[in-house]
Amino acid sequence: MVGSEINVERPRLPISIDNIVIQHLAVGEAKLDLSFQRVDDRIVCYLGKQHEGLVPLVVRS
């Protein structure tokens, strides 16, 4: 799984949604939960507690 990573650029959510979780996202051999959450005027993105394997997460605002 060389070179596998998750890149998120300028994460956004619709005004009426404060958080969303993508469950069981497959990235190469890994499976993980990817969460997006509104915090004040920003949207943050992070890996959930449920995951199988390690995949780097790169977020650019």
C-alpha atoms as a PDB file:
ATOM      1  CA  MET A   1       0.000   0.000   0.000  1.00  0.00           C
ATOM      2  CA  VAL A   2       2.899   2.334  -0.730  1.00  0.00           C
ATOM      3  CA  GLY A   3       1.738   5.891  -1.460  1.00  0.00           C
ATOM      4  CA  SER A   4      -1.798   5.417  -0.126  1.00  0.00           C
ATOM      5  CA  GLU A   5      -3.094   8.427   1.749  1.00  0.00           C
ATOM      6  CA  ILE A   6      -6.264  10.472   2.082  1.00  0.00           C
ATOM      7  CA  ASN A   7      -6.084  14.054   0.815  1.00  0.00           C
ATOM      8  CA  VAL A   8      -8.881  16.468   1.752  1.00  0.00           C
ATOM      9  CA  GLU A   9      -8.750  19.965   0.289  1.00  0.00           C
ATOM     10  CA  ARG A  10     -10.981  22.761   1.566  1.00  0.00           C
ATOM     11  CA  PRO A  11     -13.493  20.607   3.476  1.00  0.00           C
ATOM     12  CA  ARG A  12     -17.033  22.017   3.423  1.00  0.00           C
ATOM     13  CA  LEU A  13     -20.453  21.032   4.748  1.00  0.00           C
ATOM     14  CA  PRO A  14     -23.885  22.347   3.763  1.00  0.00           C
ATOM     15  CA  ILE A  15     -25.194  24.985   6.193  1.00  0.00           C
ATOM     16  CA  SER A  16     -27.829  22.635   7.649  1.00  0.00           C
ATOM     17  CA  ILE A  17     -25.338  19.832   8.436  1.00  0.00           C
ATOM     18  CA  ASP A  18     -22.915  20.120  11.374  1.00  0.00           C
ATOM     19  CA  ASN A  19     -21.218  16.725  11.055  1.00  0.00           C
ATOM     20  CA  ILE A  20     -21.047  13.684   8.844  1.00  0.00           C
ATOM     21  CA  VAL A  21     -19.179  10.367   9.055  1.00  0.00           C
ATOM     22  CA  ILE A  22     -18.182   8.191   6.111  1.00  0.00           C
ATOM     23  CA  GLN A  23     -18.044   4.713   7.595  1.00  0.00           C
ATOM     24  CA  HIS A  24     -15.946   1.777   6.383  1.00  0.00           C
ATOM     25  CA  LEU A  25     -14.134   3.787   3.703  1.00  0.00           C
ATOM     26  CA  ALA A  26     -11.704   1.465   1.897  1.00  0.00           C
ATOM     27  CA  VAL A  27      -8.268   2.910   1.109  1.00  0.00           C
ATOM     28  CA  GLY A  28      -6.015   0.218  -0.295  1.00  0.00           C
ATOM     29  CA  GLU A  29      -6.125  -2.626   2.223  1.00  0.00           C
ATOM     30  CA  ALA A  30      -7.283  -0.350   5.065  1.00  0.00           C
ATOM     31  CA  LYS A  31     -10.858   0.410   6.132  1.00  0.00           C
ATOM     32  CA  LEU A  32     -11.645   3.456   8.235  1.00  0.00           C
ATOM     33  CA  ASP A  33     -14.229   6.008   9.304  1.00  0.00           C
ATOM     34  CA  LEU A  34     -13.672   9.574   8.086  1.00  0.00           C
ATOM     35  CA  SER A  35     -15.429  12.353  10.027  1.00  0.00           C
ATOM     36  CA  PHE A  36     -16.190  15.956   9.098  1.00  0.00           C
ATOM     37  CA  GLN A  37     -17.395  18.377  11.778  1.00  0.00           C
ATOM     38  CA  ARG A  38     -18.254  22.063  11.961  1.00  0.00           C
ATOM     39  CA  VAL A  39     -16.269  23.853  14.706  1.00  0.00           C
ATOM     40  CA  ASP A  40     -17.108  27.571  14.880  1.00  0.00           C
ATOM     41  CA  ASP A  41     -16.566  28.828  11.313  1.00  0.00           C
ATOM     42  CA  ARG A  42     -14.327  25.940  10.177  1.00  0.00           C
ATOM     43  CA  ILE A  43     -14.836  22.366   9.053  1.00  0.00           C
ATOM     44  CA  VAL A  44     -12.443  19.860  10.591  1.00  0.00           C
ATOM     45  CA  CYS A  45     -11.714  16.408   9.223  1.00  0.00           C
ATOM     46  CA  TYR A  46     -10.331  13.503  11.236  1.00  0.00           C
ATOM     47  CA  LEU A  47     -10.116   9.724  11.310  1.00  0.00           C
ATOM     48  CA  GLY A  48     -12.648   8.004  13.552  1.00  0.00           C
ATOM     49  CA  LYS A  49     -11.849   5.452  16.238  1.00  0.00           C
ATOM     50  CA  GLN A  50     -12.880   2.535  14.028  1.00  0.00           C
ATOM     51  CA  HIS A  51     -10.139   1.634  11.579  1.00  0.00           C
ATOM     52  CA  GLU A  52      -8.251  -1.344  10.229  1.00  0.00           C
ATOM     53  CA  GLY A  53      -4.766  -0.384   9.056  1.00  0.00           C
ATOM     54  CA  LEU A  54      -2.930   2.913   8.973  1.00  0.00           C
ATOM     55  CA  VAL A  55      -3.454   5.551   6.303  1.00  0.00           C
ATOM     56  CA  PRO A  56      -2.110   9.122   6.530  1.00  0.00           C
ATOM     57  CA  LEU A  57      -4.718  11.900   6.440  1.00  0.00           C
ATOM     58  CA  VAL A  58      -3.655  15.215   4.863  1.00  0.00           C
ATOM     59  CA  VAL A  59      -6.118  18.125   5.250  1.00  0.00           C
ATOM     60  CA  ARG A  60      -5.550  21.464   3.504  1.00  0.00           C
ATOM     61  CA  SER A  61      -7.850  24.382   4.304  1.00  0.00           C
END
